[in-house]
Amino acid sequence: MAEDTLRGYRGFVREKLEKAGVKVWSVVRIITPDATYEGILLPRSELGDEDHVVLKLKNGYNIGVKITKDAVIEEVGYSPGRYVLPERKVEFKPGKPRVSLIGTGGTIASRLDYRTGAVIPAFTPQELFSAVPELEEICNLETISLFEIFSEDMQPEHWVRIAEKVAEEVRRGADGVIIAHGTDTMHFTSAALSFMLKDLPVPVVLVGSQRSSDRPSSDAAMNLIASAIVAARSDIAEVVVCMHGSSSDDYNVIHKGTRVRKMHTSRRDAFKTIGDMPLGIVVNGTIHMLRGDYRRRSKHKDVTVDAKIDPKVVLLYTYPGMQADIIEHVVSAGYHGIVLAGTGLGHCPKTIIQPLEKAIRDGVVVAMTSQCLYGFVGMNVYERGRDLLKIGVIPCGNMLPETAYVKLIYVLGHTRDVDEVKNLMTLNMCGEITNGESYNAYLIAQGGLEEYIKKQKNLL
């Protein structure tokens, strides 16, 4: 079968391209009544509409251009694209740390399939070293593709599989582990691994990218390099997230796995440590720790996985107008735990108090966090909070709602005894609840980190 030289194009646009004698990878000039565009004609998603062509501009960005009857299309050159990254021989280098990179999906280790518009994995060592050759100078990297799913499809059972794979790699002698993960639910997974991995002797670094690797603004390479540095060279023995620290390419931040949250849909510095200082930063290939209260690396390899879980837990945001049937449906569906992201100091509308009380009487655990994210729940301050305490709602300090959700899944996997559950939910196991929140922790995470670091460390 002859190759389709206008892959993905159809209808009116395809006829215009054929009449102009251009094909995919032609350098084209498109003159419309409003503007003139010049770039490489890319293959496009076969799922797209019939009115647009996709061009890669000289600055590296891809744009869609609507083609009207008045548009003039000219071929001014040809620049064939490559679907396959060049092979690069990977050799084991004695003396360099051995790091395992576990792929779970997401944008970090992927490239675009222009046929469907989908992101597809580019995950062999040859592909990674070809795309990010700096990794060779940092460590001996072994890649493992555990599964390839969107992060929104991640289930608690996937957290267990990741934890078991991490432990397996540590026992095999890995000096650090990187987990390539989609960014949307990465903070859920980092919290889950923090609870499940016991006696961890090496860093476990979750990393992702906000922008795919075909875009000039991609953060994939820098995030991957920084995470490799943390995994190979840091003295941390905890689960952390390592992502861009600012919107520029100047440093990465190391976040504790139970206190990190994605705070922006698209910015490269979307991840923030909430209510606390980050563990450290990576600047120009060097790690600078900002805190000293973290678990240190050790030489033992007897890490264990405590992955008993009960996934029958829901996370509910309370809101004005919330009705009793929401709680009643959750209970009738057989859920064993409810984490509420309440308003303010940990409140909810009175409409759901009676069903909450009944749920608790029936053995359902109800825990309270705050959708404010910053600060502690304070359920003794107002009458509503005291009412909730009286019926048995568990206050969760300054634990993030997502972390509390993951923790209750973990705790209910170990016990259904109400008193034990309450003790464990209010116990700080791995940094999910802090003794207090420093004044700076709020301001730093709102964009003041760069200025703070400049003042304190003179690093940037």
Protein backbone atom coordinates (compact mmCIF):
# COMPACT_ATOMS: atom_id res chain seq x y z
CA MET A 1 0.00 0.00 0.00
CA ALA A 2 1.32 3.42 -0.96
CA GLU A 3 2.23 5.72 1.94
CA ASP A 4 -0.37 8.36 2.75
CA THR A 5 1.56 11.61 2.24
CA LEU A 6 -1.23 13.64 3.90
CA ARG A 7 -1.74 11.49 6.94
CA GLY A 8 -4.70 12.59 9.08
CA TYR A 9 -6.05 15.19 6.62
CA ARG A 10 -9.36 14.81 4.86
CA GLY A 11 -12.19 16.69 3.17
CA PHE A 12 -11.80 20.26 1.95
CA VAL A 13 -8.40 20.84 3.56
CA ARG A 14 -6.96 17.71 1.99
CA GLU A 15 -8.18 18.83 -1.46
CA LYS A 16 -6.49 22.23 -0.98
CA LEU A 17 -3.23 20.58 0.09
CA GLU A 18 -3.30 18.17 -2.85
CA LYS A 19 -3.93 21.00 -5.33
CA ALA A 20 -0.97 22.89 -3.85
CA GLY A 21 1.22 19.81 -4.31
CA VAL A 22 2.32 19.72 -0.68
CA LYS A 23 2.62 16.75 1.63
CA VAL A 24 3.36 16.08 5.28
CA TRP A 25 6.82 17.48 6.19
CA SER A 26 6.62 20.10 3.43
CA VAL A 27 7.65 23.57 4.52
CA VAL A 28 4.59 25.59 3.55
CA ARG A 29 3.53 29.20 3.43
CA ILE A 30 -0.16 29.78 4.07
CA ILE A 31 -1.57 33.17 3.18
CA THR A 32 -4.99 33.98 4.61
CA PRO A 33 -6.90 37.29 4.50
CA ASP A 34 -5.73 37.95 8.07
CA ALA A 35 -2.15 36.68 8.28
CA THR A 36 0.67 34.69 6.67
CA TYR A 37 2.05 31.58 8.34
CA GLU A 38 5.14 29.55 7.51
CA GLY A 39 6.15 26.22 9.00
CA ILE A 40 6.40 22.48 8.55
CA LEU A 41 3.15 20.70 7.73
CA LEU A 42 2.79 18.05 10.43
CA PRO A 43 0.78 14.85 10.24
CA ARG A 44 -2.28 15.38 12.37
CA SER A 45 -4.75 13.51 14.47
CA GLU A 46 -7.21 11.55 12.41
CA LEU A 47 -9.79 12.47 15.06
CA GLY A 48 -9.55 16.21 14.36
CA ASP A 49 -11.84 18.38 12.27
CA GLU A 50 -11.55 18.97 8.51
CA ASP A 51 -10.90 22.72 8.65
CA HIS A 52 -7.38 23.03 10.06
CA VAL A 53 -3.80 22.15 9.24
CA VAL A 54 -1.10 21.77 11.89
CA LEU A 55 2.18 23.64 11.42
CA LYS A 56 5.39 23.51 13.42
CA LEU A 57 6.73 27.07 13.45
CA LYS A 58 10.42 28.00 13.47
CA ASN A 59 10.19 28.74 17.20
CA GLY A 60 9.21 25.11 17.84
CA TYR A 61 5.57 25.64 18.70
CA ASN A 62 2.80 23.80 16.91
CA ILE A 63 -0.25 25.78 15.78
CA GLY A 64 -3.47 24.98 14.00
CA VAL A 65 -4.37 27.19 11.03
CA LYS A 66 -7.93 27.35 9.74
CA ILE A 67 -8.05 26.98 5.97
CA THR A 68 -10.72 28.98 4.16
CA LYS A 69 -11.55 29.10 0.44
CA ASP A 70 -9.49 32.29 0.17
CA ALA A 71 -6.38 30.76 1.71
CA VAL A 72 -3.32 30.32 -0.54
CA ILE A 73 -0.99 27.40 0.20
CA GLU A 74 2.56 27.25 -1.22
CA GLU A 75 5.35 24.72 -0.74
CA VAL A 76 8.67 26.44 -0.04
CA GLY A 77 10.73 23.44 1.06
CA TYR A 78 10.74 19.98 2.61
CA SER A 79 11.93 18.84 6.05
CA PRO A 80 11.17 15.17 6.75
CA GLY A 81 10.40 14.29 10.36
CA ARG A 82 11.72 11.38 12.34
CA TYR A 83 9.43 9.06 14.24
CA VAL A 84 12.25 7.04 15.78
CA LEU A 85 14.86 8.45 18.11
CA PRO A 86 18.41 7.53 17.10
CA GLU A 87 19.86 4.48 18.81
CA ARG A 88 22.41 5.23 21.48
CA LYS A 89 24.51 2.48 23.01
CA VAL A 90 24.08 2.25 26.77
CA GLU A 91 27.04 0.90 28.72
CA PHE A 92 27.24 0.16 32.44
CA LYS A 93 29.77 2.49 34.04
CA PRO A 94 31.41 1.11 37.20
CA GLY A 95 31.42 3.57 40.07
CA LYS A 96 28.23 5.34 39.12
CA PRO A 97 25.07 4.79 41.17
CA ARG A 98 22.48 2.38 39.82
CA VAL A 99 19.04 3.95 39.51
CA SER A 100 15.86 2.18 38.46
CA LEU A 101 13.27 4.18 36.53
CA ILE A 102 9.79 2.69 36.79
CA GLY A 103 7.37 3.90 34.16
CA THR A 104 3.66 4.08 34.96
CA GLY A 105 2.51 6.33 32.13
CA GLY A 106 2.13 10.06 31.78
CA THR A 107 3.87 12.64 29.69
CA ILE A 108 7.35 12.49 31.20
CA ALA A 109 8.63 9.60 29.06
CA SER A 110 6.58 9.96 25.93
CA ARG A 111 6.29 11.53 22.54
CA LEU A 112 3.37 12.36 20.29
CA ASP A 113 1.80 10.01 17.80
CA TYR A 114 0.57 12.40 15.15
CA ARG A 115 -1.63 9.73 13.61
CA THR A 116 -3.98 9.73 16.58
CA GLY A 117 -2.80 12.76 18.50
CA ALA A 118 -2.07 10.44 21.42
CA VAL A 119 0.96 10.50 23.64
CA ILE A 120 2.90 7.27 23.24
CA PRO A 121 5.81 5.99 25.32
CA ALA A 122 9.44 6.45 24.37
CA PHE A 123 10.89 4.47 27.13
CA THR A 124 13.77 2.20 26.23
CA PRO A 125 17.16 3.13 27.71
CA GLN A 126 18.34 3.92 24.21
CA GLU A 127 15.46 6.31 23.67
CA LEU A 128 15.85 7.99 27.06
CA PHE A 129 19.60 8.41 26.74
CA SER A 130 19.17 9.66 23.20
CA ALA A 131 16.57 12.21 24.29
CA VAL A 132 18.31 13.18 27.56
CA PRO A 133 22.03 12.31 27.19
CA GLU A 134 22.87 14.08 30.50
CA LEU A 135 21.48 11.05 32.34
CA GLU A 136 24.54 9.01 31.34
CA GLU A 137 26.78 11.28 33.38
CA ILE A 138 24.62 10.92 36.50
CA CYS A 139 23.90 7.23 36.90
CA ASN A 140 23.51 3.81 35.40
CA LEU A 141 19.81 3.92 34.57
CA GLU A 142 17.67 0.83 34.20
CA THR A 143 14.15 1.32 32.90
CA ILE A 144 11.12 -0.77 33.76
CA SER A 145 7.75 -0.21 32.13
CA LEU A 146 5.35 -1.33 34.87
CA PHE A 147 2.18 -0.10 33.20
CA GLU A 148 1.10 2.68 30.87
CA ILE A 149 -2.07 4.36 32.08
CA PHE A 150 -3.39 7.86 32.48
CA SER A 151 -2.83 9.01 36.03
CA GLU A 152 -6.57 9.58 36.46
CA ASP A 153 -7.04 5.85 35.91
CA MET A 154 -4.68 5.00 38.77
CA GLN A 155 -6.35 2.77 41.37
CA PRO A 156 -5.20 1.93 44.93
CA GLU A 157 -4.20 -1.48 43.59
CA HIS A 158 -1.73 0.27 41.26
CA TRP A 159 -0.14 1.97 44.30
CA VAL A 160 0.43 -1.49 45.77
CA ARG A 161 2.07 -2.75 42.57
CA ILE A 162 4.33 0.29 42.41
CA ALA A 163 5.34 -0.14 46.07
CA GLU A 164 6.14 -3.81 45.51
CA LYS A 165 8.20 -3.00 42.41
CA VAL A 166 10.13 -0.29 44.25
CA ALA A 167 10.96 -2.73 47.06
CA GLU A 168 12.04 -5.32 44.50
CA GLU A 169 14.40 -2.85 42.85
CA VAL A 170 15.87 -1.74 46.18
CA ARG A 171 16.52 -5.36 47.16
CA ARG A 172 18.21 -5.86 43.76
CA GLY A 173 20.65 -3.14 44.71
CA ALA A 174 19.21 0.07 43.30
CA ASP A 175 20.78 3.17 44.86
CA GLY A 176 17.65 5.13 44.09
CA VAL A 177 14.34 4.73 42.32
CA ILE A 178 12.55 7.13 39.97
CA ILE A 179 8.87 6.73 39.23
CA ALA A 180 7.71 8.38 36.02
CA HIS A 181 4.10 9.35 36.65
CA GLY A 182 1.34 11.48 35.20
CA THR A 183 1.11 14.74 37.11
CA ASP A 184 -2.63 14.89 37.78
CA THR A 185 -2.65 12.30 40.57
CA MET A 186 1.04 12.10 41.37
CA HIS A 187 0.48 13.49 44.89
CA PHE A 188 -1.96 10.67 45.66
CA THR A 189 0.64 8.09 44.66
CA SER A 190 3.46 9.82 46.54
CA ALA A 191 1.32 9.79 49.70
CA ALA A 192 0.39 6.14 49.24
CA LEU A 193 4.02 5.06 48.76
CA SER A 194 5.02 7.10 51.82
CA PHE A 195 2.67 5.02 53.97
CA MET A 196 3.38 1.65 52.32
CA LEU A 197 7.19 1.61 52.06
CA LYS A 198 8.73 0.85 55.46
CA ASP A 199 12.41 1.20 56.43
CA LEU A 200 13.19 2.75 53.08
CA PRO A 201 17.00 3.04 52.66
CA VAL A 202 17.18 5.06 49.40
CA PRO A 203 15.38 7.95 47.69
CA VAL A 204 12.18 7.21 45.80
CA VAL A 205 11.52 10.13 43.46
CA LEU A 206 8.26 10.69 41.62
CA VAL A 207 8.60 12.86 38.55
CA GLY A 208 6.41 14.00 35.70
CA SER A 209 6.15 16.71 33.11
CA GLN A 210 3.48 19.29 32.58
CA ARG A 211 4.26 19.68 28.87
CA SER A 212 5.05 16.98 26.35
CA SER A 213 8.54 16.54 24.99
CA ASP A 214 7.74 17.80 21.48
CA ARG A 215 7.07 21.31 22.84
CA PRO A 216 9.91 23.79 23.23
CA SER A 217 8.62 24.63 26.72
CA SER A 218 8.67 21.00 27.82
CA ASP A 219 9.86 20.46 31.37
CA ALA A 220 10.42 16.74 30.84
CA ALA A 221 14.20 16.72 30.38
CA MET A 222 15.01 19.07 33.26
CA ASN A 223 12.67 17.26 35.63
CA LEU A 224 14.13 13.90 34.65
CA ILE A 225 17.71 15.11 35.12
CA ALA A 226 16.94 16.64 38.53
CA SER A 227 15.11 13.54 39.69
CA ALA A 228 18.06 11.37 38.61
CA ILE A 229 20.40 13.61 40.61
CA VAL A 230 18.18 13.27 43.70
CA ALA A 231 17.82 9.51 43.26
CA ALA A 232 21.55 8.94 42.65
CA ARG A 233 23.25 11.48 44.89
CA SER A 234 20.97 12.71 47.69
CA ASP A 235 21.13 11.33 51.24
CA ILE A 236 17.33 11.27 51.42
CA ALA A 237 15.61 7.97 52.19
CA GLU A 238 12.01 9.05 51.72
CA VAL A 239 9.36 9.24 49.02
CA VAL A 240 9.59 12.65 47.37
CA VAL A 241 8.33 14.51 44.33
CA CYS A 242 10.84 16.47 42.22
CA MET A 243 9.39 19.05 39.82
CA HIS A 244 10.07 22.51 38.42
CA GLY A 245 10.39 25.17 41.13
CA SER A 246 9.54 28.18 38.97
CA SER A 247 8.17 28.93 35.54
CA SER A 248 11.74 29.25 34.28
CA ASP A 249 14.37 26.54 33.88
CA ASP A 250 16.37 27.58 36.94
CA TYR A 251 15.74 25.02 39.68
CA ASN A 252 13.71 22.03 40.81
CA VAL A 253 12.07 21.58 44.19
CA ILE A 254 12.18 18.39 46.30
CA HIS A 255 8.79 17.94 48.01
CA LYS A 256 7.95 15.52 50.82
CA GLY A 257 5.54 12.92 49.45
CA THR A 258 2.76 13.55 51.97
CA ARG A 259 2.76 17.37 51.85
CA VAL A 260 2.85 18.05 48.12
CA ARG A 261 -0.04 19.02 45.89
CA LYS A 262 -0.58 19.94 42.25
CA MET A 263 -1.78 23.56 42.41
CA HIS A 264 -2.05 24.60 38.76
CA THR A 265 -3.40 22.91 35.67
CA SER A 266 -0.63 23.84 33.27
CA ARG A 267 2.23 25.83 34.84
CA ARG A 268 5.55 24.05 35.03
CA ASP A 269 5.86 24.98 38.73
CA ALA A 270 2.46 23.47 39.47
CA PHE A 271 3.62 21.40 42.45
CA LYS A 272 3.91 23.06 45.84
CA THR A 273 4.73 21.92 49.33
CA ILE A 274 1.67 22.95 51.36
CA GLY A 275 1.97 24.36 54.86
CA ASP A 276 5.63 23.46 55.26
CA MET A 277 9.06 24.09 53.80
CA PRO A 278 10.15 21.91 50.86
CA LEU A 279 12.92 19.44 51.64
CA GLY A 280 15.37 21.02 49.20
CA ILE A 281 16.11 22.27 45.73
CA VAL A 282 18.29 21.19 42.80
CA VAL A 283 20.21 24.07 41.17
CA ASN A 284 22.68 23.59 38.31
CA GLY A 285 23.09 19.91 39.13
CA THR A 286 23.66 20.44 42.85
CA ILE A 287 21.32 19.50 45.69
CA HIS A 288 20.76 22.11 48.41
CA MET A 289 18.74 20.84 51.36
CA LEU A 290 16.50 23.44 53.00
CA ARG A 291 15.68 21.24 56.00
CA GLY A 292 17.47 18.68 58.16
CA ASP A 293 14.54 16.70 59.54
CA TYR A 294 14.37 13.99 56.91
CA ARG A 295 15.19 10.28 56.92
CA ARG A 296 18.76 9.59 55.80
CA ARG A 297 20.05 7.05 53.26
CA SER A 298 21.43 3.78 54.64
CA LYS A 299 23.03 0.65 53.19
CA HIS A 300 20.53 -2.01 54.21
CA LYS A 301 18.24 -3.41 51.53
CA ASP A 302 15.53 -4.97 53.70
CA VAL A 303 12.79 -2.51 52.82
CA THR A 304 9.31 -3.89 53.42
CA VAL A 305 5.94 -3.17 51.87
CA ASP A 306 2.92 -2.77 54.12
CA ALA A 307 0.20 -2.63 51.53
CA LYS A 308 -2.90 -3.77 53.35
CA ILE A 309 -5.59 -1.41 52.10
CA ASP A 310 -9.34 -0.92 52.08
CA PRO A 311 -10.28 1.03 48.92
CA LYS A 312 -13.89 1.53 50.09
CA VAL A 313 -13.22 5.15 51.04
CA VAL A 314 -14.58 8.35 49.48
CA LEU A 315 -13.31 11.92 49.49
CA LEU A 316 -16.11 14.49 49.53
CA TYR A 317 -15.87 18.28 49.35
CA THR A 318 -18.58 19.92 51.40
CA TYR A 319 -20.40 22.84 49.84
CA PRO A 320 -23.42 25.09 50.33
CA GLY A 321 -26.48 23.14 49.29
CA MET A 322 -25.00 19.73 49.98
CA GLN A 323 -27.85 17.36 50.75
CA ALA A 324 -28.22 14.35 53.04
CA ASP A 325 -28.71 11.86 50.22
CA ILE A 326 -25.04 12.19 49.22
CA ILE A 327 -23.97 10.68 52.54
CA GLU A 328 -26.84 8.17 52.51
CA HIS A 329 -25.81 6.92 49.04
CA VAL A 330 -22.20 6.50 50.13
CA VAL A 331 -23.22 4.47 53.16
CA SER A 332 -25.72 2.34 51.25
CA ALA A 333 -23.05 1.61 48.65
CA GLY A 334 -20.99 -0.10 51.34
CA TYR A 335 -18.20 2.41 51.87
CA HIS A 336 -16.30 2.10 55.13
CA GLY A 337 -14.74 5.55 55.31
CA ILE A 338 -15.54 9.15 54.35
CA VAL A 339 -12.95 11.93 54.23
CA LEU A 340 -14.57 15.34 54.20
CA ALA A 341 -12.79 18.38 52.83
CA GLY A 342 -14.76 20.77 54.96
CA THR A 343 -15.04 24.53 54.83
CA GLY A 344 -12.80 26.74 56.95
CA LEU A 345 -11.80 25.14 60.22
CA GLY A 346 -13.52 21.87 59.32
CA HIS A 347 -17.24 22.53 58.90
CA CYS A 348 -20.09 21.19 56.84
CA PRO A 349 -23.73 22.19 56.29
CA LYS A 350 -26.21 21.07 58.91
CA THR A 351 -28.09 19.16 56.20
CA ILE A 352 -25.56 16.32 56.35
CA ILE A 353 -24.97 16.12 60.11
CA GLN A 354 -27.80 13.69 60.83
CA PRO A 355 -26.76 11.24 58.06
CA LEU A 356 -23.15 11.56 59.18
CA GLU A 357 -24.18 10.66 62.73
CA LYS A 358 -26.10 7.64 61.45
CA ALA A 359 -23.16 6.61 59.26
CA ILE A 360 -20.81 6.73 62.24
CA ARG A 361 -23.27 4.72 64.36
CA ASP A 362 -23.28 2.13 61.55
CA GLY A 363 -19.49 1.82 61.71
CA VAL A 364 -18.44 4.19 58.92
CA VAL A 365 -15.35 6.27 59.77
CA VAL A 366 -15.68 10.00 59.03
CA ALA A 367 -12.55 12.18 59.00
CA MET A 368 -12.39 15.94 58.56
CA THR A 369 -9.84 18.02 56.63
CA SER A 370 -10.06 21.56 55.30
CA GLN A 371 -10.49 22.58 51.69
CA CYS A 372 -8.52 25.72 52.61
CA LEU A 373 -5.44 23.44 52.27
CA TYR A 374 -3.34 25.73 54.44
CA GLY A 375 -3.80 25.65 58.21
CA PHE A 376 -5.27 23.21 60.71
CA VAL A 377 -8.83 22.15 61.24
CA GLY A 378 -10.08 23.70 64.49
CA MET A 379 -13.28 21.96 65.42
CA ASN A 380 -13.49 23.27 68.98
CA VAL A 381 -13.79 26.89 67.88
CA TYR A 382 -17.36 27.06 66.57
CA GLU A 383 -20.51 25.23 67.54
CA ARG A 384 -20.69 23.38 64.21
CA GLY A 385 -17.25 21.92 64.73
CA ARG A 386 -18.10 20.87 68.29
CA ASP A 387 -21.27 19.18 67.00
CA LEU A 388 -19.21 17.21 64.52
CA LEU A 389 -16.72 16.18 67.18
CA LYS A 390 -19.61 15.10 69.41
CA ILE A 391 -20.94 12.65 66.80
CA GLY A 392 -17.48 11.17 66.28
CA VAL A 393 -15.93 12.96 63.29
CA ILE A 394 -12.12 12.66 63.42
CA PRO A 395 -10.17 15.93 63.03
CA CYS A 396 -7.10 15.46 60.83
CA GLY A 397 -4.88 18.39 61.85
CA ASN A 398 -3.34 20.00 58.78
CA MET A 399 -3.32 16.85 56.68
CA LEU A 400 -4.13 17.54 53.04
CA PRO A 401 -7.51 16.12 51.90
CA GLU A 402 -5.91 13.85 49.30
CA THR A 403 -3.34 12.58 51.78
CA ALA A 404 -6.08 11.91 54.35
CA TYR A 405 -8.02 9.98 51.72
CA VAL A 406 -4.99 7.79 50.95
CA LYS A 407 -4.19 7.40 54.65
CA LEU A 408 -7.71 6.26 55.54
CA ILE A 409 -7.50 3.65 52.77
CA TYR A 410 -4.26 2.46 54.37
CA VAL A 411 -5.52 2.60 57.97
CA LEU A 412 -8.80 0.79 57.28
CA GLY A 413 -6.76 -1.94 55.61
CA HIS A 414 -5.24 -2.59 59.03
CA THR A 415 -8.11 -2.08 61.45
CA ARG A 416 -11.81 -1.27 61.62
CA ASP A 417 -11.70 -0.59 65.34
CA VAL A 418 -12.92 2.99 65.70
CA ASP A 419 -10.54 3.95 68.50
CA GLU A 420 -7.53 2.49 66.67
CA VAL A 421 -8.55 4.23 63.46
CA LYS A 422 -8.82 7.54 65.32
CA ASN A 423 -5.41 7.06 66.95
CA LEU A 424 -3.75 6.24 63.62
CA MET A 425 -5.47 9.03 61.68
CA THR A 426 -4.29 11.64 64.19
CA LEU A 427 -0.79 10.15 64.48
CA ASN A 428 1.95 11.66 62.30
CA MET A 429 3.37 8.64 60.47
CA CYS A 430 5.51 10.17 57.74
CA GLY A 431 5.19 13.93 57.77
CA GLU A 432 1.53 14.14 56.80
CA ILE A 433 0.72 16.15 59.97
CA THR A 434 3.08 18.83 61.22
CA ASN A 435 3.44 20.24 64.72
CA GLY A 436 2.77 23.71 63.39
CA GLU A 437 3.03 25.79 60.27
CA SER A 438 5.68 28.48 60.04
CA TYR A 439 4.61 31.88 58.81
CA ASN A 440 7.04 31.62 55.91
CA ALA A 441 5.64 28.29 54.72
CA TYR A 442 2.45 29.97 53.53
CA LEU A 443 4.15 32.85 51.76
CA ILE A 444 6.88 30.73 50.19
CA ALA A 445 4.45 28.40 48.53
CA GLN A 446 2.54 31.36 47.08
CA GLY A 447 5.42 32.44 44.85
CA GLY A 448 7.90 33.77 47.37
CA LEU A 449 10.25 30.81 47.29
CA GLU A 450 12.64 32.32 44.77
CA GLU A 451 13.02 35.50 46.75
CA TYR A 452 13.39 33.56 49.98
CA ILE A 453 16.13 31.40 48.52
CA LYS A 454 17.95 34.39 47.07
CA LYS A 455 17.96 36.00 50.49
CA GLN A 456 18.87 32.90 52.47
CA LYS A 457 21.19 31.03 50.15
CA ASN A 458 22.18 33.44 47.40
CA LEU A 459 21.80 30.56 44.96
CA LEU A 460 19.84 31.94 42.05
